[in-house]
């Protein structure tokens, strides 16, 4: 049979540690305020990325057809959420666009990034429409959807 022998000094140290933990726990429980720190990170807007894309094909009779797209074609955001929409031009020299239902407009150029800081206060579907490719007759439709819930 084994016995554990504790000296008075060891018992005193354990008692002090236990009391310290007890007092700290009580203080944290009663003082449940958020403690500010010097280096609190700033809340950063969500980044959403789109690119311009192009599909090309040849028909049976050899005619070349193409269509331009935003990719991804649909993004989801919360009502009131602040976010950055970053659009990078890959295919096509330039894509002037509007966001339907707003006064937002811009142009995406090949090999350049266009960044918009956005926030929608009304729920709904907002279409990003390329003015060069708005429909099938103009190698489109180059339309993406921002769905705000």
Protein backbone atom coordinates (compact mmCIF):
# COMPACT_ATOMS: atom_id res chain seq x y z
CA UNK A 1 0.00 0.00 0.00
CA UNK A 2 1.29 3.48 -0.98
CA UNK A 3 0.78 6.62 1.06
CA UNK A 4 0.92 10.20 -0.10
CA UNK A 5 2.61 12.43 2.41
CA UNK A 6 2.09 16.17 2.07
CA UNK A 7 4.22 18.69 3.91
CA UNK A 8 2.72 21.83 5.43
CA UNK A 9 4.41 24.00 2.78
CA UNK A 10 2.82 21.95 -0.06
CA UNK A 11 -0.61 22.14 1.57
CA UNK A 12 -0.26 25.91 1.98
CA UNK A 13 0.66 26.37 -1.69
CA UNK A 14 -2.27 24.20 -2.86
CA UNK A 15 -4.62 26.15 -0.56
CA UNK A 16 -3.44 29.48 -2.01
CA UNK A 17 -3.87 28.24 -5.60
CA UNK A 18 -7.39 26.94 -4.89
CA UNK A 19 -8.39 30.20 -3.18
CA UNK A 20 -7.01 32.23 -6.09
CA UNK A 21 -8.95 30.16 -8.63
CA UNK A 22 -12.13 30.47 -6.53
CA UNK A 23 -11.82 34.26 -6.19
CA UNK A 24 -11.03 34.68 -9.90
CA UNK A 25 -14.02 32.53 -10.90
CA UNK A 26 -16.37 34.55 -8.66
CA UNK A 27 -14.99 37.84 -10.05
CA UNK A 28 -15.43 36.69 -13.69
CA UNK A 29 -18.96 35.46 -12.97
CA UNK A 30 -20.04 38.71 -11.33
CA UNK A 31 -18.19 41.01 -13.73
CA UNK A 32 -19.41 39.67 -17.10
CA UNK A 33 -18.67 42.83 -19.08
CA UNK A 34 -16.60 42.66 -22.24
CA UNK A 35 -13.04 43.67 -21.61
CA UNK A 36 -11.59 45.92 -24.30
CA UNK A 37 -8.10 45.14 -25.48
CA UNK A 38 -5.65 47.41 -27.20
CA UNK A 39 -5.41 45.42 -30.44
CA UNK A 40 -9.03 44.44 -31.09
CA UNK A 41 -9.34 43.61 -34.78
CA UNK A 42 -11.65 45.84 -36.80
CA UNK A 43 -14.68 44.09 -38.27
CA UNK A 44 -13.85 43.56 -41.93
CA UNK A 45 -16.40 43.58 -44.73
CA UNK A 46 -17.01 40.25 -46.40
CA UNK A 47 -15.25 39.89 -49.76
CA UNK A 48 -17.23 38.46 -52.67
CA UNK A 49 -15.41 37.79 -55.93
CA UNK A 50 -16.81 37.67 -59.46
CA UNK A 51 -15.01 37.23 -62.76
CA UNK A 52 -15.97 37.78 -66.37
CA UNK A 53 -16.10 34.64 -68.45
CA UNK A 54 -16.65 33.66 -72.06
CA UNK A 55 -17.96 30.50 -73.69
CA UNK A 56 -17.22 29.79 -77.36
CA UNK A 57 -18.42 26.99 -79.58
CA UNK A 58 -18.90 26.12 -83.25
CA UNK A 59 -22.26 25.10 -84.59
CA UNK A 60 -22.73 22.15 -86.94
CA UNK A 61 -22.50 24.47 -89.93
CA UNK A 62 -19.17 25.90 -88.65
CA UNK A 63 -20.48 29.21 -87.35
CA UNK A 64 -18.73 30.40 -84.19
CA UNK A 65 -20.97 31.45 -81.32
CA UNK A 66 -20.05 32.93 -77.96
CA UNK A 67 -21.61 34.10 -74.72
CA UNK A 68 -20.25 36.24 -71.91
CA UNK A 69 -21.10 35.55 -68.23
CA UNK A 70 -20.44 36.74 -64.69
CA UNK A 71 -19.15 33.93 -62.52
CA UNK A 72 -20.59 33.08 -60.07
CA UNK A 73 -23.97 34.05 -61.46
CA UNK A 74 -25.71 34.39 -58.09
CA UNK A 75 -24.53 35.73 -54.74
CA UNK A 76 -26.41 35.87 -51.44
CA UNK A 77 -26.12 38.65 -48.83
CA UNK A 78 -28.06 39.67 -45.75
CA UNK A 79 -30.14 42.83 -45.65
CA UNK A 80 -27.96 45.60 -44.19
CA UNK A 81 -24.74 43.59 -44.58
CA UNK A 82 -21.71 45.58 -45.71
CA UNK A 83 -19.61 43.74 -48.27
CA UNK A 84 -17.05 44.35 -50.99
CA UNK A 85 -17.84 43.04 -54.47
CA UNK A 86 -14.59 42.48 -56.34
CA UNK A 87 -14.99 41.87 -60.08
CA UNK A 88 -11.95 40.79 -62.10
CA UNK A 89 -11.95 41.07 -65.90
CA UNK A 90 -10.73 37.91 -67.61
CA UNK A 91 -12.57 37.69 -70.92
CA UNK A 92 -13.61 40.67 -73.01
CA UNK A 93 -11.88 44.06 -73.16
CA UNK A 94 -14.50 45.98 -71.18
CA UNK A 95 -17.86 45.34 -69.55
CA UNK A 96 -19.78 48.48 -68.54
CA UNK A 97 -22.46 47.47 -66.04
CA UNK A 98 -25.31 48.69 -63.86
CA UNK A 99 -26.90 47.19 -60.76
CA UNK A 100 -30.59 47.31 -61.50
CA UNK A 101 -32.73 49.13 -58.94
CA UNK A 102 -29.80 51.27 -57.75
CA UNK A 103 -27.74 54.14 -59.13
CA UNK A 104 -24.61 51.95 -59.11
CA UNK A 105 -22.68 51.61 -62.34
CA UNK A 106 -19.13 50.90 -63.38
CA UNK A 107 -16.87 49.19 -65.88
CA UNK A 108 -14.83 46.02 -65.58
CA UNK A 109 -11.75 45.95 -67.83
CA UNK A 110 -9.65 42.98 -68.86
CA UNK A 111 -6.89 42.10 -66.37
CA UNK A 112 -8.14 44.71 -63.90
CA UNK A 113 -10.13 44.50 -60.68
CA UNK A 114 -13.15 46.67 -59.98
CA UNK A 115 -14.12 46.82 -56.30
CA UNK A 116 -17.50 48.07 -55.06
CA UNK A 117 -18.37 48.62 -51.39
CA UNK A 118 -22.05 47.69 -51.15
CA UNK A 119 -24.87 47.50 -48.64
CA UNK A 120 -28.52 46.81 -49.50
CA UNK A 121 -31.21 47.94 -47.07
CA UNK A 122 -34.13 46.33 -48.93
CA UNK A 123 -34.66 42.62 -49.50
CA UNK A 124 -34.96 41.55 -53.10
CA UNK A 125 -33.12 40.49 -56.22
CA UNK A 126 -30.71 42.98 -57.78
CA UNK A 127 -29.37 42.21 -61.26
CA UNK A 128 -25.84 43.11 -62.36
CA UNK A 129 -26.31 43.72 -66.08
CA UNK A 130 -23.46 44.13 -68.57
CA UNK A 131 -24.57 46.88 -70.96
CA UNK A 132 -22.48 45.42 -73.81
CA UNK A 133 -23.99 41.91 -73.45
CA UNK A 134 -27.53 42.43 -72.06
CA UNK A 135 -29.23 39.72 -74.15
CA UNK A 136 -28.69 36.80 -76.52
CA UNK A 137 -28.48 39.10 -79.56
CA UNK A 138 -25.37 40.67 -77.97
CA UNK A 139 -23.59 37.47 -76.83
CA UNK A 140 -25.33 37.39 -73.48
CA UNK A 141 -27.20 37.66 -71.32
CA UNK A 142 -24.36 38.68 -69.06
CA UNK A 143 -26.45 39.04 -65.91
CA UNK A 144 -25.64 38.08 -62.32
CA UNK A 145 -28.02 38.17 -59.38
CA UNK A 146 -27.48 39.62 -55.92
CA UNK A 147 -30.11 38.08 -53.63
CA UNK A 148 -30.66 40.09 -50.46
CA UNK A 149 -32.49 38.32 -47.59
